[in-house]
């Protein structure tokens, strides 16, 4: 009978120990992987829960803000001292920090006014208004840009900035022949660039011609047979001057002083002091607003979410959402 030697027994014990250590290492690795997976799933679940809370917060804030506009206690005039026009910050019950601002779009001149199918007789051309506003914003050669926007919007092919121009670009494309949908649509139009559109106000340097296009022009993406008017209670000096003409600066100063003391509820009373051609500008002006833009930002922990909505207020005071933008 052969008896294993002492060396053989020692070698076999060493192999068993190695196998045991390997098994322990594998088990430890599996345990750690399971724990990491569990932590990852927990973190993923927390992020999804946080995102759901953010989405609910921005939607609720937007609806609440638009409800402020719908419940306006003074429907005869819209002005910048009303509750809906003030930025709001708060924390909701879920611990989400929310910031909200409502912008009156009628305080800006709408670029889609450049094409109106049946404008009133004798109406001051929208092209002249937009050129004056651009001039007041420091563009002293706005003719080609304004013509390019008009040709982009109108449905015909009669202008000098129609599809034949864009077919020569790389890559080639065609005119929309449709009203602008958003501000960034202008970047497709000849003569426009991000630098041109994003120029900021320069009033700290003093003097005229220092305005910013974004503070005076807007894009309201709805068809119209009549002008969408500018609200004299909320419009900037540049937008008002653009509508009535640069030669009427003294009248615009009177309007700004008047609305500083009380909201203007009667446009006819205000126009009594105007020395120009009233029928040519009357349809371009109003004292109320129909279009609003709400911006909401929500923050919690390391996550954030933004929402924008554009709404139209009907004659009955109801608000209809034109678009949601997440």
C-alpha atoms as a PDB file:
ATOM      1  CA  UNK A   1       0.000   0.000   0.000  1.00  0.00           C
ATOM      2  CA  UNK A   2       1.358   3.339  -1.132  1.00  0.00           C
ATOM      3  CA  UNK A   3       1.128   6.214   1.348  1.00  0.00           C
ATOM      4  CA  UNK A   4       1.247   9.786  -0.065  1.00  0.00           C
ATOM      5  CA  UNK A   5       4.412  11.493   0.835  1.00  0.00           C
ATOM      6  CA  UNK A   6       4.489  14.561   3.004  1.00  0.00           C
ATOM      7  CA  UNK A   7       5.305  16.762  -0.040  1.00  0.00           C
ATOM      8  CA  UNK A   8       2.341  15.434  -2.016  1.00  0.00           C
ATOM      9  CA  UNK A   9      -0.044  16.105   0.847  1.00  0.00           C
ATOM     10  CA  UNK A  10       1.327  19.635   1.222  1.00  0.00           C
ATOM     11  CA  UNK A  11       0.989  20.308  -2.542  1.00  0.00           C
ATOM     12  CA  UNK A  12      -2.612  19.087  -2.557  1.00  0.00           C
ATOM     13  CA  UNK A  13      -3.505  21.288   0.413  1.00  0.00           C
ATOM     14  CA  UNK A  14      -1.944  24.271  -1.349  1.00  0.00           C
ATOM     15  CA  UNK A  15      -4.071  23.661  -4.454  1.00  0.00           C
ATOM     16  CA  UNK A  16      -7.235  23.470  -2.364  1.00  0.00           C
ATOM     17  CA  UNK A  17      -6.339  26.723  -0.639  1.00  0.00           C
ATOM     18  CA  UNK A  18      -5.757  28.428  -3.963  1.00  0.00           C
ATOM     19  CA  UNK A  19      -9.121  27.183  -5.276  1.00  0.00           C
ATOM     20  CA  UNK A  20     -10.838  28.405  -2.105  1.00  0.00           C
ATOM     21  CA  UNK A  21      -9.225  31.838  -2.458  1.00  0.00           C
ATOM     22  CA  UNK A  22     -10.245  32.020  -6.131  1.00  0.00           C
ATOM     23  CA  UNK A  23     -13.830  31.100  -5.219  1.00  0.00           C
ATOM     24  CA  UNK A  24     -13.860  33.701  -2.443  1.00  0.00           C
ATOM     25  CA  UNK A  25     -12.574  36.335  -4.896  1.00  0.00           C
ATOM     26  CA  UNK A  26     -15.268  35.422  -7.436  1.00  0.00           C
ATOM     27  CA  UNK A  27     -17.969  35.534  -4.803  1.00  0.00           C
ATOM     28  CA  UNK A  28     -16.672  38.879  -3.506  1.00  0.00           C
ATOM     29  CA  UNK A  29     -16.644  40.257  -7.069  1.00  0.00           C
ATOM     30  CA  UNK A  30     -20.203  39.076  -7.664  1.00  0.00           C
ATOM     31  CA  UNK A  31     -21.349  40.631  -4.389  1.00  0.00           C
ATOM     32  CA  UNK A  32     -19.670  43.937  -5.239  1.00  0.00           C
ATOM     33  CA  UNK A  33     -21.129  43.905  -8.780  1.00  0.00           C
ATOM     34  CA  UNK A  34     -24.575  43.220  -7.353  1.00  0.00           C
ATOM     35  CA  UNK A  35     -24.186  46.074  -4.891  1.00  0.00           C
ATOM     36  CA  UNK A  36     -22.980  48.449  -7.627  1.00  0.00           C
ATOM     37  CA  UNK A  37     -25.873  47.443  -9.862  1.00  0.00           C
ATOM     38  CA  UNK A  38     -28.307  47.993  -7.017  1.00  0.00           C
ATOM     39  CA  UNK A  39     -26.810  51.417  -6.298  1.00  0.00           C
ATOM     40  CA  UNK A  40     -26.920  52.312 -10.011  1.00  0.00           C
ATOM     41  CA  UNK A  41     -30.572  51.284 -10.254  1.00  0.00           C
ATOM     42  CA  UNK A  42     -31.339  53.259  -7.102  1.00  0.00           C
ATOM     43  CA  UNK A  43     -29.545  56.329  -8.488  1.00  0.00           C
ATOM     44  CA  UNK A  44     -31.297  55.927 -11.827  1.00  0.00           C
ATOM     45  CA  UNK A  45     -34.615  55.659 -10.042  1.00  0.00           C
ATOM     46  CA  UNK A  46     -33.868  58.809  -8.019  1.00  0.00           C
ATOM     47  CA  UNK A  47     -32.932  60.711 -11.205  1.00  0.00           C
ATOM     48  CA  UNK A  48     -36.103  59.576 -12.942  1.00  0.00           C
ATOM     49  CA  UNK A  49     -38.167  60.583  -9.925  1.00  0.00           C
ATOM     50  CA  UNK A  50     -36.430  63.981  -9.796  1.00  0.00           C
ATOM     51  CA  UNK A  51     -37.009  64.510 -13.523  1.00  0.00           C
ATOM     52  CA  UNK A  52     -40.689  63.658 -13.131  1.00  0.00           C
ATOM     53  CA  UNK A  53     -40.944  66.186 -10.285  1.00  0.00           C
ATOM     54  CA  UNK A  54     -39.232  68.841 -12.424  1.00  0.00           C
ATOM     55  CA  UNK A  55     -41.555  68.202 -15.349  1.00  0.00           C
ATOM     56  CA  UNK A  56     -44.622  68.437 -13.134  1.00  0.00           C
ATOM     57  CA  UNK A  57     -43.298  71.636 -11.538  1.00  0.00           C
ATOM     58  CA  UNK A  58     -42.678  73.480 -14.825  1.00  0.00           C
ATOM     59  CA  UNK A  59     -46.051  72.444 -16.236  1.00  0.00           C
ATOM     60  CA  UNK A  60     -47.922  73.535 -13.108  1.00  0.00           C
ATOM     61  CA  UNK A  61     -46.021  76.839 -12.974  1.00  0.00           C
ATOM     62  CA  UNK A  62     -46.756  77.597 -16.637  1.00  0.00           C
ATOM     63  CA  UNK A  63     -50.465  76.903 -16.176  1.00  0.00           C
ATOM     64  CA  UNK A  64     -50.568  79.012 -13.013  1.00  0.00           C
ATOM     65  CA  UNK A  65     -48.829  81.894 -14.758  1.00  0.00           C
ATOM     66  CA  UNK A  66     -51.163  81.826 -17.716  1.00  0.00           C
ATOM     67  CA  UNK A  67     -54.103  81.687 -15.296  1.00  0.00           C
ATOM     68  CA  UNK A  68     -52.890  85.033 -13.912  1.00  0.00           C
ATOM     69  CA  UNK A  69     -53.211  86.477 -17.402  1.00  0.00           C
ATOM     70  CA  UNK A  70     -56.652  84.936 -17.921  1.00  0.00           C
ATOM     71  CA  UNK A  71     -57.871  86.302 -14.570  1.00  0.00           C
ATOM     72  CA  UNK A  72     -56.698  89.850 -15.336  1.00  0.00           C
ATOM     73  CA  UNK A  73     -58.775  92.287 -13.265  1.00  0.00           C
ATOM     74  CA  UNK A  74     -58.282  95.115 -15.761  1.00  0.00           C
ATOM     75  CA  UNK A  75     -59.085  93.750 -19.259  1.00  0.00           C
ATOM     76  CA  UNK A  76     -59.350  97.291 -20.667  1.00  0.00           C
ATOM     77  CA  UNK A  77     -55.550  97.744 -20.579  1.00  0.00           C
ATOM     78  CA  UNK A  78     -52.484  95.532 -20.204  1.00  0.00           C
ATOM     79  CA  UNK A  79     -49.441  97.138 -18.613  1.00  0.00           C
ATOM     80  CA  UNK A  80     -46.156  96.125 -17.003  1.00  0.00           C
ATOM     81  CA  UNK A  81     -47.160  96.751 -13.374  1.00  0.00           C
ATOM     82  CA  UNK A  82     -49.789  94.006 -13.354  1.00  0.00           C
ATOM     83  CA  UNK A  83     -49.233  90.844 -11.275  1.00  0.00           C
ATOM     84  CA  UNK A  84     -48.772  88.593 -14.322  1.00  0.00           C
ATOM     85  CA  UNK A  85     -45.904  90.789 -15.594  1.00  0.00           C
ATOM     86  CA  UNK A  86     -43.727  90.272 -12.481  1.00  0.00           C
ATOM     87  CA  UNK A  87     -41.132  87.444 -12.359  1.00  0.00           C
ATOM     88  CA  UNK A  88     -42.004  84.841  -9.711  1.00  0.00           C
ATOM     89  CA  UNK A  89     -39.692  82.557  -7.707  1.00  0.00           C
ATOM     90  CA  UNK A  90     -40.838  79.888  -5.247  1.00  0.00           C
ATOM     91  CA  UNK A  91     -40.189  76.362  -3.921  1.00  0.00           C
ATOM     92  CA  UNK A  92     -42.952  73.807  -4.481  1.00  0.00           C
ATOM     93  CA  UNK A  93     -43.937  71.092  -1.938  1.00  0.00           C
ATOM     94  CA  UNK A  94     -41.556  68.582  -3.585  1.00  0.00           C
ATOM     95  CA  UNK A  95     -38.599  70.894  -2.929  1.00  0.00           C
ATOM     96  CA  UNK A  96     -38.284  72.054  -6.557  1.00  0.00           C
ATOM     97  CA  UNK A  97     -37.100  75.659  -6.987  1.00  0.00           C
ATOM     98  CA  UNK A  98     -39.105  77.375  -9.717  1.00  0.00           C
ATOM     99  CA  UNK A  99     -38.557  80.635 -11.624  1.00  0.00           C
ATOM    100  CA  UNK A 100     -41.241  81.942 -13.978  1.00  0.00           C
ATOM    101  CA  UNK A 101     -41.660  84.984 -16.210  1.00  0.00           C
ATOM    102  CA  UNK A 102     -44.482  85.970 -18.558  1.00  0.00           C
ATOM    103  CA  UNK A 103     -43.639  88.141 -21.557  1.00  0.00           C
ATOM    104  CA  UNK A 104     -46.210  90.273 -23.330  1.00  0.00           C
ATOM    105  CA  UNK A 105     -45.538  89.630 -27.026  1.00  0.00           C
ATOM    106  CA  UNK A 106     -47.640  92.626 -28.083  1.00  0.00           C
ATOM    107  CA  UNK A 107     -44.954  94.865 -26.640  1.00  0.00           C
ATOM    108  CA  UNK A 108     -42.889  93.946 -29.699  1.00  0.00           C
ATOM    109  CA  UNK A 109     -43.622  94.530 -33.383  1.00  0.00           C
ATOM    110  CA  UNK A 110     -44.360  91.189 -35.018  1.00  0.00           C
ATOM    111  CA  UNK A 111     -42.210  90.426 -38.064  1.00  0.00           C
ATOM    112  CA  UNK A 112     -44.995  88.346 -39.580  1.00  0.00           C
ATOM    113  CA  UNK A 113     -46.850  91.632 -40.062  1.00  0.00           C
ATOM    114  CA  UNK A 114     -44.596  92.063 -43.088  1.00  0.00           C
ATOM    115  CA  UNK A 115     -47.158  90.059 -45.026  1.00  0.00           C
ATOM    116  CA  UNK A 116     -50.843  90.800 -44.487  1.00  0.00           C
ATOM    117  CA  UNK A 117     -53.176  89.447 -47.116  1.00  0.00           C
ATOM    118  CA  UNK A 118     -55.687  92.310 -47.011  1.00  0.00           C
ATOM    119  CA  UNK A 119     -54.149  95.349 -45.251  1.00  0.00           C
ATOM    120  CA  UNK A 120     -56.435  98.335 -44.537  1.00  0.00           C
ATOM    121  CA  UNK A 121     -56.326 101.086 -47.135  1.00  0.00           C
ATOM    122  CA  UNK A 122     -53.746 103.780 -46.386  1.00  0.00           C
ATOM    123  CA  UNK A 123     -51.979 101.691 -43.741  1.00  0.00           C
ATOM    124  CA  UNK A 124     -48.350 102.597 -43.127  1.00  0.00           C
ATOM    125  CA  UNK A 125     -46.322  99.771 -44.725  1.00  0.00           C
ATOM    126  CA  UNK A 126     -44.875  97.238 -42.303  1.00  0.00           C
ATOM    127  CA  UNK A 127     -41.626  97.347 -44.271  1.00  0.00           C
ATOM    128  CA  UNK A 128     -41.139 101.002 -43.283  1.00  0.00           C
ATOM    129  CA  UNK A 129     -41.881 100.217 -39.637  1.00  0.00           C
ATOM    130  CA  UNK A 130     -39.405  97.343 -39.445  1.00  0.00           C
ATOM    131  CA  UNK A 131     -36.725  99.382 -41.214  1.00  0.00           C
ATOM    132  CA  UNK A 132     -37.178 102.228 -38.712  1.00  0.00           C
ATOM    133  CA  UNK A 133     -36.944  99.802 -35.773  1.00  0.00           C
ATOM    134  CA  UNK A 134     -33.803  98.196 -37.196  1.00  0.00           C
ATOM    135  CA  UNK A 135     -32.298 101.652 -37.702  1.00  0.00           C
ATOM    136  CA  UNK A 136     -32.986 102.503 -34.056  1.00  0.00           C
ATOM    137  CA  UNK A 137     -31.192  99.259 -33.180  1.00  0.00           C
ATOM    138  CA  UNK A 138     -28.072 100.400 -35.005  1.00  0.00           C
ATOM    139  CA  UNK A 139     -28.668  98.921 -38.475  1.00  0.00           C
ATOM    140  CA  UNK A 140     -28.280 101.826 -40.881  1.00  0.00           C
ATOM    141  CA  UNK A 141     -28.738  99.701 -44.019  1.00  0.00           C
ATOM    142  CA  UNK A 142     -31.794  97.539 -43.246  1.00  0.00           C
ATOM    143  CA  UNK A 143     -33.500  97.650 -46.668  1.00  0.00           C
ATOM    144  CA  UNK A 144     -32.166  94.358 -48.046  1.00  0.00           C
ATOM    145  CA  UNK A 145     -32.754  92.474 -44.786  1.00  0.00           C
ATOM    146  CA  UNK A 146     -36.359  93.657 -44.509  1.00  0.00           C
ATOM    147  CA  UNK A 147     -37.020  92.775 -48.151  1.00  0.00           C
ATOM    148  CA  UNK A 148     -35.491  89.334 -47.562  1.00  0.00           C
ATOM    149  CA  UNK A 149     -37.832  88.669 -44.620  1.00  0.00           C
ATOM    150  CA  UNK A 150     -40.860  89.855 -46.614  1.00  0.00           C
ATOM    151  CA  UNK A 151     -39.948  87.637 -49.574  1.00  0.00           C
ATOM    152  CA  UNK A 152     -39.418  84.695 -47.210  1.00  0.00           C
ATOM    153  CA  UNK A 153     -42.908  85.136 -45.758  1.00  0.00           C
ATOM    154  CA  UNK A 154     -45.079  86.093 -48.717  1.00  0.00           C
ATOM    155  CA  UNK A 155     -46.426  83.233 -50.880  1.00  0.00           C
ATOM    156  CA  UNK A 156     -45.346  84.608 -54.271  1.00  0.00           C
ATOM    157  CA  UNK A 157     -42.021  84.532 -56.127  1.00  0.00           C
ATOM    158  CA  UNK A 158     -41.979  88.194 -57.164  1.00  0.00           C
ATOM    159  CA  UNK A 159     -39.237  89.619 -54.923  1.00  0.00           C
ATOM    160  CA  UNK A 160     -35.471  89.908 -55.316  1.00  0.00           C
ATOM    161  CA  UNK A 161     -34.818  87.568 -52.347  1.00  0.00           C
ATOM    162  CA  UNK A 162     -36.843  84.564 -53.457  1.00  0.00           C
ATOM    163  CA  UNK A 163     -35.947  80.881 -53.943  1.00  0.00           C
ATOM    164  CA  UNK A 164     -33.576  81.562 -56.852  1.00  0.00           C
ATOM    165  CA  UNK A 165     -31.219  83.234 -54.350  1.00  0.00           C
ATOM    166  CA  UNK A 166     -31.222  80.314 -51.887  1.00  0.00           C
ATOM    167  CA  UNK A 167     -30.922  77.660 -54.598  1.00  0.00           C
ATOM    168  CA  UNK A 168     -27.411  78.993 -55.231  1.00  0.00           C
ATOM    169  CA  UNK A 169     -26.305  78.379 -51.630  1.00  0.00           C
ATOM    170  CA  UNK A 170     -24.545  75.241 -50.366  1.00  0.00           C
ATOM    171  CA  UNK A 171     -26.567  73.298 -49.466  1.00  0.00           C
ATOM    172  CA  UNK A 172     -29.368  74.692 -51.613  1.00  0.00           C
ATOM    173  CA  UNK A 173     -32.838  75.307 -50.201  1.00  0.00           C
ATOM    174  CA  UNK A 174     -35.989  77.262 -51.025  1.00  0.00           C
ATOM    175  CA  UNK A 175     -37.974  80.115 -49.494  1.00  0.00           C
ATOM    176  CA  UNK A 176     -40.535  79.046 -46.921  1.00  0.00           C
ATOM    177  CA  UNK A 177     -43.267  81.220 -48.511  1.00  0.00           C
ATOM    178  CA  UNK A 178     -44.883  80.962 -45.083  1.00  0.00           C
ATOM    179  CA  UNK A 179     -44.911  83.056 -41.930  1.00  0.00           C
ATOM    180  CA  UNK A 180     -42.006  82.704 -39.511  1.00  0.00           C
ATOM    181  CA  UNK A 181     -42.426  79.992 -36.876  1.00  0.00           C
ATOM    182  CA  UNK A 182     -39.746  81.113 -34.419  1.00  0.00           C
ATOM    183  CA  UNK A 183     -36.939  83.631 -33.996  1.00  0.00           C
ATOM    184  CA  UNK A 184     -34.272  81.198 -35.222  1.00  0.00           C
ATOM    185  CA  UNK A 185     -36.034  80.960 -38.617  1.00  0.00           C
ATOM    186  CA  UNK A 186     -34.359  84.287 -39.414  1.00  0.00           C
ATOM    187  CA  UNK A 187     -30.995  82.507 -39.607  1.00  0.00           C
ATOM    188  CA  UNK A 188     -32.150  80.886 -42.861  1.00  0.00           C
ATOM    189  CA  UNK A 189     -32.803  84.303 -44.394  1.00  0.00           C
ATOM    190  CA  UNK A 190     -30.211  86.221 -46.372  1.00  0.00           C
ATOM    191  CA  UNK A 191     -28.447  88.924 -44.350  1.00  0.00           C
ATOM    192  CA  UNK A 192     -29.037  87.480 -40.870  1.00  0.00           C
ATOM    193  CA  UNK A 193     -26.543  85.873 -38.479  1.00  0.00           C
ATOM    194  CA  UNK A 194     -26.453  84.972 -34.757  1.00  0.00           C
ATOM    195  CA  UNK A 195     -24.224  87.982 -34.085  1.00  0.00           C
ATOM    196  CA  UNK A 196     -26.690  90.327 -35.778  1.00  0.00           C
ATOM    197  CA  UNK A 197     -29.737  88.931 -33.963  1.00  0.00           C
ATOM    198  CA  UNK A 198     -28.142  88.714 -30.511  1.00  0.00           C
ATOM    199  CA  UNK A 199     -26.741  92.231 -30.278  1.00  0.00           C
ATOM    200  CA  UNK A 200     -27.496  93.596 -26.812  1.00  0.00           C
ATOM    201  CA  UNK A 201     -28.801  96.970 -25.652  1.00  0.00           C
ATOM    202  CA  UNK A 202     -26.056  99.585 -25.519  1.00  0.00           C
ATOM    203  CA  UNK A 203     -27.898 102.339 -23.681  1.00  0.00           C
ATOM    204  CA  UNK A 204     -25.270 102.553 -20.978  1.00  0.00           C
ATOM    205  CA  UNK A 205     -23.183 104.335 -23.622  1.00  0.00           C
ATOM    206  CA  UNK A 206     -25.890 106.956 -24.148  1.00  0.00           C
ATOM    207  CA  UNK A 207     -27.463 108.279 -27.346  1.00  0.00           C
ATOM    208  CA  UNK A 208     -29.888 106.805 -29.838  1.00  0.00           C
ATOM    209  CA  UNK A 209     -29.604 103.772 -32.136  1.00  0.00           C
ATOM    210  CA  UNK A 210     -28.510 101.533 -29.266  1.00  0.00           C
ATOM    211  CA  UNK A 211     -31.482  99.173 -28.999  1.00  0.00           C
ATOM    212  CA  UNK A 212     -31.554  95.381 -29.403  1.00  0.00           C
ATOM    213  CA  UNK A 213     -33.715  93.653 -32.018  1.00  0.00           C
ATOM    214  CA  UNK A 214     -34.953  91.058 -29.513  1.00  0.00           C
ATOM    215  CA  UNK A 215     -36.329  93.865 -27.320  1.00  0.00           C
ATOM    216  CA  UNK A 216     -38.336  95.377 -30.156  1.00  0.00           C
ATOM    217  CA  UNK A 217     -39.262  92.668 -32.669  1.00  0.00           C
ATOM    218  CA  UNK A 218     -41.041  89.347 -32.182  1.00  0.00           C
ATOM    219  CA  UNK A 219     -42.245  86.338 -34.133  1.00  0.00           C
ATOM    220  CA  UNK A 220     -45.896  85.412 -33.558  1.00  0.00           C
ATOM    221  CA  UNK A 221     -46.604  82.323 -35.707  1.00  0.00           C
ATOM    222  CA  UNK A 222     -50.264  82.807 -36.557  1.00  0.00           C
ATOM    223  CA  UNK A 223     -51.893  83.827 -39.851  1.00  0.00           C
ATOM    224  CA  UNK A 224     -53.599  87.186 -39.967  1.00  0.00           C
ATOM    225  CA  UNK A 225     -55.734  89.266 -42.282  1.00  0.00           C
ATOM    226  CA  UNK A 226     -55.248  92.373 -40.132  1.00  0.00           C
ATOM    227  CA  UNK A 227     -52.188  93.730 -38.264  1.00  0.00           C
ATOM    228  CA  UNK A 228     -51.287  92.373 -34.846  1.00  0.00           C
ATOM    229  CA  UNK A 229     -51.054  95.697 -32.985  1.00  0.00           C
ATOM    230  CA  UNK A 230     -48.363  97.043 -30.700  1.00  0.00           C
ATOM    231  CA  UNK A 231     -49.457  97.647 -27.094  1.00  0.00           C
ATOM    232  CA  UNK A 232     -48.669 101.305 -26.285  1.00  0.00           C
ATOM    233  CA  UNK A 233     -48.706 100.487 -22.542  1.00  0.00           C
ATOM    234  CA  UNK A 234     -45.831  98.012 -22.759  1.00  0.00           C
ATOM    235  CA  UNK A 235     -43.889  98.769 -25.969  1.00  0.00           C
ATOM    236  CA  UNK A 236     -40.389 100.225 -25.949  1.00  0.00           C
ATOM    237  CA  UNK A 237     -39.621 103.704 -27.198  1.00  0.00           C
ATOM    238  CA  UNK A 238     -37.958 102.196 -30.296  1.00  0.00           C
ATOM    239  CA  UNK A 239     -40.962 100.045 -31.193  1.00  0.00           C
ATOM    240  CA  UNK A 240     -43.348 102.994 -30.774  1.00  0.00           C
ATOM    241  CA  UNK A 241     -41.116 105.263 -32.844  1.00  0.00           C
ATOM    242  CA  UNK A 242     -40.875 102.591 -35.508  1.00  0.00           C
ATOM    243  CA  UNK A 243     -44.650 102.428 -35.848  1.00  0.00           C
ATOM    244  CA  UNK A 244     -45.420 106.160 -35.825  1.00  0.00           C
ATOM    245  CA  UNK A 245     -42.249 107.362 -37.586  1.00  0.00           C
ATOM    246  CA  UNK A 246     -38.969 108.788 -36.346  1.00  0.00           C
ATOM    247  CA  UNK A 247     -40.246 112.324 -36.864  1.00  0.00           C
ATOM    248  CA  UNK A 248     -42.819 111.847 -34.060  1.00  0.00           C
ATOM    249  CA  UNK A 249     -40.374 111.440 -31.164  1.00  0.00           C
ATOM    250  CA  UNK A 250     -41.980 114.229 -29.102  1.00  0.00           C
ATOM    251  CA  UNK A 251     -45.376 112.492 -29.274  1.00  0.00           C
ATOM    252  CA  UNK A 252     -43.808 109.181 -28.207  1.00  0.00           C
ATOM    253  CA  UNK A 253     -42.232 110.918 -25.201  1.00  0.00           C
ATOM    254  CA  UNK A 254     -45.707 112.175 -24.221  1.00  0.00           C
ATOM    255  CA  UNK A 255     -47.084 108.631 -24.464  1.00  0.00           C
ATOM    256  CA  UNK A 256     -44.277 107.263 -22.275  1.00  0.00           C
ATOM    257  CA  UNK A 257     -44.893 109.983 -19.681  1.00  0.00           C
ATOM    258  CA  UNK A 258     -48.655 109.383 -19.726  1.00  0.00           C
ATOM    259  CA  UNK A 259     -48.429 105.628 -19.234  1.00  0.00           C
ATOM    260  CA  UNK A 260     -45.909 106.213 -16.431  1.00  0.00           C
ATOM    261  CA  UNK A 261     -48.668 107.799 -14.357  1.00  0.00           C
ATOM    262  CA  UNK A 262     -51.565 105.525 -15.328  1.00  0.00           C
ATOM    263  CA  UNK A 263     -52.358 102.817 -17.891  1.00  0.00           C
ATOM    264  CA  UNK A 264     -53.691 104.095 -21.210  1.00  0.00           C
ATOM    265  CA  UNK A 265     -57.188 102.649 -21.586  1.00  0.00           C
ATOM    266  CA  UNK A 266     -58.350 104.696 -24.592  1.00  0.00           C
ATOM    267  CA  UNK A 267     -56.279 104.825 -27.728  1.00  0.00           C
ATOM    268  CA  UNK A 268     -58.569 107.435 -29.282  1.00  0.00           C
ATOM    269  CA  UNK A 269     -57.904 109.869 -26.430  1.00  0.00           C
ATOM    270  CA  UNK A 270     -54.171 109.333 -26.772  1.00  0.00           C
ATOM    271  CA  UNK A 271     -54.247 109.848 -30.538  1.00  0.00           C
ATOM    272  CA  UNK A 272     -55.851 113.255 -30.101  1.00  0.00           C
ATOM    273  CA  UNK A 273     -52.399 114.780 -29.615  1.00  0.00           C
ATOM    274  CA  UNK A 274     -50.870 113.094 -32.647  1.00  0.00           C
ATOM    275  CA  UNK A 275     -50.040 115.477 -35.496  1.00  0.00           C
ATOM    276  CA  UNK A 276     -49.400 112.867 -38.189  1.00  0.00           C
ATOM    277  CA  UNK A 277     -51.668 110.741 -40.368  1.00  0.00           C
ATOM    278  CA  UNK A 278     -53.748 108.902 -37.756  1.00  0.00           C
ATOM    279  CA  UNK A 279     -55.526 106.437 -40.120  1.00  0.00           C
ATOM    280  CA  UNK A 280     -52.155 105.215 -41.393  1.00  0.00           C
ATOM    281  CA  UNK A 281     -50.963 104.077 -37.950  1.00  0.00           C
ATOM    282  CA  UNK A 282     -54.166 103.531 -35.949  1.00  0.00           C
ATOM    283  CA  UNK A 283     -54.496  99.804 -36.842  1.00  0.00           C
ATOM    284  CA  UNK A 284     -50.897  99.226 -35.710  1.00  0.00           C
ATOM    285  CA  UNK A 285     -51.579 100.364 -32.120  1.00  0.00           C
ATOM    286  CA  UNK A 286     -53.608  99.029 -29.200  1.00  0.00           C
ATOM    287  CA  UNK A 287     -53.867  99.222 -25.406  1.00  0.00           C
ATOM    288  CA  UNK A 288     -54.285  95.494 -24.654  1.00  0.00           C
ATOM    289  CA  UNK A 289     -52.352  92.341 -25.485  1.00  0.00           C
ATOM    290  CA  UNK A 290     -53.493  89.053 -27.001  1.00  0.00           C
ATOM    291  CA  UNK A 291     -50.272  87.044 -27.165  1.00  0.00           C
ATOM    292  CA  UNK A 292     -48.076  85.944 -24.258  1.00  0.00           C
ATOM    293  CA  UNK A 293     -44.943  83.879 -23.790  1.00  0.00           C
ATOM    294  CA  UNK A 294     -44.253  82.108 -20.511  1.00  0.00           C
ATOM    295  CA  UNK A 295     -40.772  80.950 -19.511  1.00  0.00           C
ATOM    296  CA  UNK A 296     -40.268  78.519 -16.616  1.00  0.00           C
ATOM    297  CA  UNK A 297     -37.080  77.075 -15.122  1.00  0.00           C
ATOM    298  CA  UNK A 298     -37.034  74.457 -12.368  1.00  0.00           C
ATOM    299  CA  UNK A 299     -34.090  73.210 -10.286  1.00  0.00           C
ATOM    300  CA  UNK A 300     -33.642  70.347  -7.814  1.00  0.00           C
ATOM    301  CA  UNK A 301     -30.396  68.843  -6.602  1.00  0.00           C
ATOM    302  CA  UNK A 302     -28.139  68.672  -9.685  1.00  0.00           C
ATOM    303  CA  UNK A 303     -30.923  68.562 -12.268  1.00  0.00           C
ATOM    304  CA  UNK A 304     -32.840  71.309 -14.061  1.00  0.00           C
ATOM    305  CA  UNK A 305     -35.554  71.667 -16.670  1.00  0.00           C
ATOM    306  CA  UNK A 306     -36.921  74.506 -18.790  1.00  0.00           C
ATOM    307  CA  UNK A 307     -40.285  74.990 -20.442  1.00  0.00           C
ATOM    308  CA  UNK A 308     -41.674  77.709 -22.694  1.00  0.00           C
ATOM    309  CA  UNK A 309     -45.221  78.162 -23.889  1.00  0.00           C
ATOM    310  CA  UNK A 310     -46.880  80.610 -26.244  1.00  0.00           C
ATOM    311  CA  UNK A 311     -50.540  81.430 -25.690  1.00  0.00           C
ATOM    312  CA  UNK A 312     -53.234  83.577 -27.251  1.00  0.00           C
ATOM    313  CA  UNK A 313     -55.961  85.263 -25.202  1.00  0.00           C
ATOM    314  CA  UNK A 314     -59.357  85.224 -26.878  1.00  0.00           C
ATOM    315  CA  UNK A 315     -61.951  87.994 -26.761  1.00  0.00           C
ATOM    316  CA  UNK A 316     -63.780  85.965 -24.101  1.00  0.00           C
ATOM    317  CA  UNK A 317     -60.661  86.048 -21.894  1.00  0.00           C
ATOM    318  CA  UNK A 318     -59.721  82.399 -22.400  1.00  0.00           C
ATOM    319  CA  UNK A 319     -56.137  81.380 -23.112  1.00  0.00           C
ATOM    320  CA  UNK A 320     -55.334  78.961 -25.928  1.00  0.00           C
ATOM    321  CA  UNK A 321     -51.893  77.349 -25.946  1.00  0.00           C
ATOM    322  CA  UNK A 322     -50.274  77.769 -29.356  1.00  0.00           C
ATOM    323  CA  UNK A 323     -47.232  75.630 -28.520  1.00  0.00           C
ATOM    324  CA  UNK A 324     -45.319  73.976 -25.678  1.00  0.00           C
ATOM    325  CA  UNK A 325     -41.519  73.916 -25.866  1.00  0.00           C
ATOM    326  CA  UNK A 326     -39.452  71.703 -23.521  1.00  0.00           C
END
